[in-house]
């Protein structure tokens, strides 16, 4: 009998936590899913597509979202509001 071990030091749950669905992003930003998708598209977020067609899922990288939030935070150093 062969034993299969996960050689990775990362917990598989951690890998899933590195991505957000459009619904999760909308919850995070307290807006509609379509608004979150529109903002993500305009910001140029990479879309990770899992599956195909109607059953496919879109995910966005949490690191990219957090970088966008830091850059666009109101009153952040180096940001000028018009």
N, C-alpha and C. Protein backbone atom coordinates (compact mmCIF):
# COMPACT_ATOMS: atom_id res chain seq x y z
N UNK A 1 0.85 -1.18 0.00
CA UNK A 1 0.00 0.00 0.00
C UNK A 1 0.88 1.23 0.00
N UNK A 2 0.56 2.17 -0.88
CA UNK A 2 1.33 3.41 -0.98
C UNK A 2 0.64 4.52 -0.20
N UNK A 3 1.43 5.28 0.50
CA UNK A 3 0.92 6.42 1.23
C UNK A 3 1.23 7.67 0.44
N UNK A 4 0.22 8.51 0.23
CA UNK A 4 0.41 9.77 -0.49
C UNK A 4 0.50 10.88 0.54
N UNK A 5 1.59 11.64 0.46
CA UNK A 5 1.77 12.75 1.38
C UNK A 5 1.75 14.04 0.60
N UNK A 6 1.27 15.05 1.23
CA UNK A 6 1.31 16.39 0.65
C UNK A 6 2.65 16.98 1.03
N UNK A 7 3.55 17.10 0.06
CA UNK A 7 4.89 17.61 0.32
C UNK A 7 4.90 19.11 0.54
N UNK A 8 3.84 19.78 0.15
CA UNK A 8 3.77 21.23 0.29
C UNK A 8 3.66 21.60 1.76
N UNK A 9 4.30 22.70 2.13
CA UNK A 9 4.21 23.17 3.51
C UNK A 9 2.95 23.99 3.71
N UNK A 10 2.24 24.29 2.62
CA UNK A 10 1.04 25.09 2.73
C UNK A 10 -0.18 24.21 2.97
N UNK A 11 -1.08 24.71 3.77
CA UNK A 11 -2.37 24.07 3.99
C UNK A 11 -3.21 24.30 2.74
N UNK A 12 -3.86 23.28 2.18
CA UNK A 12 -4.69 23.49 0.99
C UNK A 12 -5.75 24.56 1.20
N UNK A 13 -6.24 24.72 2.40
CA UNK A 13 -7.21 25.78 2.69
C UNK A 13 -6.62 27.16 2.52
N UNK A 14 -5.32 27.30 2.79
CA UNK A 14 -4.64 28.58 2.61
C UNK A 14 -4.64 28.99 1.14
N UNK A 15 -4.46 28.04 0.25
CA UNK A 15 -4.44 28.34 -1.18
C UNK A 15 -5.78 28.89 -1.62
N UNK A 16 -6.86 28.33 -1.11
CA UNK A 16 -8.19 28.82 -1.47
C UNK A 16 -8.44 30.21 -0.91
N UNK A 17 -7.87 30.53 0.23
CA UNK A 17 -8.06 31.83 0.85
C UNK A 17 -7.34 32.94 0.09
N UNK A 18 -6.49 32.58 -0.85
CA UNK A 18 -5.73 33.58 -1.62
C UNK A 18 -6.54 34.14 -2.78
N UNK A 19 -7.76 33.67 -2.96
CA UNK A 19 -8.61 34.11 -4.07
C UNK A 19 -10.00 34.43 -3.57
N UNK A 20 -10.66 35.42 -4.22
CA UNK A 20 -12.02 35.77 -3.87
C UNK A 20 -12.92 35.66 -5.09
N UNK A 21 -14.14 35.21 -4.87
CA UNK A 21 -15.14 35.20 -5.93
C UNK A 21 -15.71 36.61 -6.07
N UNK A 22 -16.38 36.90 -7.18
CA UNK A 22 -17.03 38.21 -7.31
C UNK A 22 -18.01 38.48 -6.16
N UNK A 23 -18.71 37.45 -5.70
CA UNK A 23 -19.63 37.63 -4.58
C UNK A 23 -18.88 37.98 -3.29
N UNK A 24 -17.76 37.29 -3.05
CA UNK A 24 -16.94 37.59 -1.86
C UNK A 24 -16.38 39.01 -1.93
N UNK A 25 -15.96 39.41 -3.12
CA UNK A 25 -15.43 40.76 -3.30
C UNK A 25 -16.52 41.80 -3.04
N UNK A 26 -17.73 41.55 -3.53
CA UNK A 26 -18.85 42.46 -3.31
C UNK A 26 -19.15 42.57 -1.82
N UNK A 27 -19.10 41.47 -1.10
CA UNK A 27 -19.33 41.49 0.35
C UNK A 27 -18.24 42.30 1.03
N UNK A 28 -17.01 42.09 0.63
CA UNK A 28 -15.87 42.81 1.21
C UNK A 28 -16.02 44.31 1.02
N UNK A 29 -16.50 44.72 -0.14
CA UNK A 29 -16.63 46.14 -0.48
C UNK A 29 -18.02 46.70 -0.21
N UNK A 30 -18.93 45.90 0.28
CA UNK A 30 -20.31 46.32 0.57
C UNK A 30 -20.97 46.96 -0.65
N UNK A 31 -20.93 46.23 -1.75
CA UNK A 31 -21.56 46.70 -2.98
C UNK A 31 -22.16 45.50 -3.70
N UNK A 32 -22.80 45.77 -4.83
CA UNK A 32 -23.39 44.67 -5.59
C UNK A 32 -22.29 43.87 -6.29
N UNK A 33 -22.63 42.65 -6.66
CA UNK A 33 -21.69 41.79 -7.38
C UNK A 33 -21.30 42.42 -8.71
N UNK A 34 -22.26 43.01 -9.42
CA UNK A 34 -21.95 43.62 -10.72
C UNK A 34 -21.04 44.83 -10.56
N UNK A 35 -21.23 45.61 -9.50
CA UNK A 35 -20.33 46.74 -9.25
C UNK A 35 -18.91 46.26 -8.96
N UNK A 36 -18.79 45.21 -8.16
CA UNK A 36 -17.47 44.65 -7.85
C UNK A 36 -16.80 44.14 -9.12
N UNK A 37 -17.56 43.46 -9.98
CA UNK A 37 -16.99 42.97 -11.23
C UNK A 37 -16.56 44.12 -12.15
N UNK A 38 -17.37 45.17 -12.21
CA UNK A 38 -17.04 46.33 -13.05
C UNK A 38 -15.77 47.01 -12.55
N UNK A 39 -15.66 47.21 -11.24
CA UNK A 39 -14.46 47.84 -10.67
C UNK A 39 -13.24 46.96 -10.93
N UNK A 40 -13.38 45.65 -10.73
CA UNK A 40 -12.27 44.72 -10.95
C UNK A 40 -11.81 44.76 -12.41
N UNK A 41 -12.77 44.83 -13.33
CA UNK A 41 -12.43 44.89 -14.75
C UNK A 41 -11.69 46.18 -15.08
N UNK A 42 -12.20 47.31 -14.58
CA UNK A 42 -11.57 48.61 -14.85
C UNK A 42 -10.19 48.71 -14.21
N UNK A 43 -10.02 48.05 -13.06
CA UNK A 43 -8.73 48.07 -12.37
C UNK A 43 -7.73 47.12 -13.03
N UNK A 44 -8.23 46.27 -13.92
CA UNK A 44 -7.34 45.36 -14.63
C UNK A 44 -6.96 44.11 -13.83
N UNK A 45 -7.81 43.72 -12.88
CA UNK A 45 -7.52 42.51 -12.11
C UNK A 45 -7.48 41.30 -13.04
N UNK A 46 -6.53 40.43 -12.78
CA UNK A 46 -6.48 39.16 -13.52
C UNK A 46 -7.67 38.32 -13.09
N UNK A 47 -8.30 37.67 -14.06
CA UNK A 47 -9.43 36.78 -13.77
C UNK A 47 -8.96 35.35 -13.90
N UNK A 48 -9.15 34.58 -12.85
CA UNK A 48 -8.80 33.17 -12.87
C UNK A 48 -10.10 32.41 -13.11
N UNK A 49 -10.17 31.72 -14.24
CA UNK A 49 -11.39 31.00 -14.63
C UNK A 49 -11.24 29.52 -14.32
N UNK A 50 -12.16 29.01 -13.54
CA UNK A 50 -12.17 27.60 -13.16
C UNK A 50 -13.41 26.97 -13.78
N UNK A 51 -13.21 26.01 -14.65
CA UNK A 51 -14.34 25.38 -15.34
C UNK A 51 -14.65 26.13 -16.62
N UNK A 52 -15.75 25.73 -17.26
CA UNK A 52 -16.12 26.33 -18.53
C UNK A 52 -17.60 26.62 -18.57
N UNK A 53 -17.97 27.56 -19.43
CA UNK A 53 -19.38 27.85 -19.66
C UNK A 53 -20.11 28.35 -18.44
N UNK A 54 -21.38 28.01 -18.38
CA UNK A 54 -22.24 28.48 -17.29
C UNK A 54 -21.81 27.96 -15.92
N UNK A 55 -21.12 26.84 -15.92
CA UNK A 55 -20.68 26.25 -14.65
C UNK A 55 -19.30 26.73 -14.23
N UNK A 56 -18.69 27.60 -15.02
CA UNK A 56 -17.37 28.11 -14.69
C UNK A 56 -17.43 29.10 -13.54
N UNK A 57 -16.30 29.26 -12.88
CA UNK A 57 -16.21 30.18 -11.75
C UNK A 57 -15.07 31.16 -12.01
N UNK A 58 -15.26 32.40 -11.58
CA UNK A 58 -14.25 33.44 -11.68
C UNK A 58 -13.70 33.69 -10.29
N UNK A 59 -12.40 33.87 -10.20
CA UNK A 59 -11.75 34.22 -8.94
C UNK A 59 -10.75 35.34 -9.20
N UNK A 60 -10.56 36.18 -8.19
CA UNK A 60 -9.58 37.26 -8.23
C UNK A 60 -8.55 37.02 -7.13
N UNK A 61 -7.30 37.37 -7.41
CA UNK A 61 -6.23 37.17 -6.43
C UNK A 61 -6.36 38.18 -5.29
N UNK A 62 -6.36 37.68 -4.06
CA UNK A 62 -6.49 38.53 -2.89
C UNK A 62 -5.35 39.54 -2.82
N UNK A 63 -4.14 39.14 -3.17
CA UNK A 63 -2.99 40.07 -3.13
C UNK A 63 -3.22 41.25 -4.05
N UNK A 64 -3.80 41.02 -5.21
CA UNK A 64 -4.08 42.08 -6.16
C UNK A 64 -5.18 43.02 -5.63
N UNK A 65 -6.17 42.44 -4.99
CA UNK A 65 -7.25 43.23 -4.39
C UNK A 65 -6.70 44.11 -3.27
N UNK A 66 -5.88 43.52 -2.41
CA UNK A 66 -5.31 44.29 -1.29
C UNK A 66 -4.41 45.41 -1.78
N UNK A 67 -3.64 45.18 -2.84
CA UNK A 67 -2.79 46.23 -3.41
C UNK A 67 -3.65 47.37 -3.96
N UNK A 68 -4.74 47.03 -4.63
CA UNK A 68 -5.67 48.03 -5.16
C UNK A 68 -6.27 48.85 -4.02
N UNK A 69 -6.67 48.18 -2.94
CA UNK A 69 -7.26 48.87 -1.80
C UNK A 69 -6.26 49.82 -1.14
N UNK A 70 -5.01 49.38 -1.00
CA UNK A 70 -3.99 50.26 -0.41
C UNK A 70 -3.77 51.49 -1.29
N UNK A 71 -3.68 51.27 -2.59
CA UNK A 71 -3.42 52.36 -3.54
C UNK A 71 -4.57 53.36 -3.57
N UNK A 72 -5.79 52.88 -3.40
CA UNK A 72 -6.96 53.74 -3.55
C UNK A 72 -7.63 54.12 -2.23
N UNK A 73 -6.93 53.87 -1.15
CA UNK A 73 -7.47 54.23 0.17
C UNK A 73 -7.53 55.74 0.29
N UNK A 74 -8.65 56.25 0.75
CA UNK A 74 -8.81 57.69 0.93
C UNK A 74 -7.84 58.18 1.98
N UNK A 75 -7.07 59.19 1.64
CA UNK A 75 -6.10 59.76 2.58
C UNK A 75 -4.79 59.00 2.62
N UNK A 76 -4.59 58.06 1.73
CA UNK A 76 -3.32 57.32 1.69
C UNK A 76 -2.20 58.25 1.22
N UNK A 77 -1.00 58.10 1.77
CA UNK A 77 0.11 58.94 1.35
C UNK A 77 0.33 58.83 -0.16
N UNK A 78 0.52 59.96 -0.81
CA UNK A 78 0.80 59.97 -2.24
C UNK A 78 -0.43 59.89 -3.13
N UNK A 79 -1.62 59.91 -2.49
CA UNK A 79 -2.84 59.90 -3.30
C UNK A 79 -3.51 61.26 -3.21
N UNK A 80 -3.86 61.79 -4.33
CA UNK A 80 -4.55 63.07 -4.37
C UNK A 80 -5.98 62.81 -4.85
N UNK A 81 -6.92 63.30 -4.11
CA UNK A 81 -8.33 63.15 -4.50
C UNK A 81 -8.75 64.39 -5.28
N UNK A 82 -9.49 64.14 -6.32
CA UNK A 82 -9.96 65.26 -7.15
C UNK A 82 -11.30 65.73 -6.68
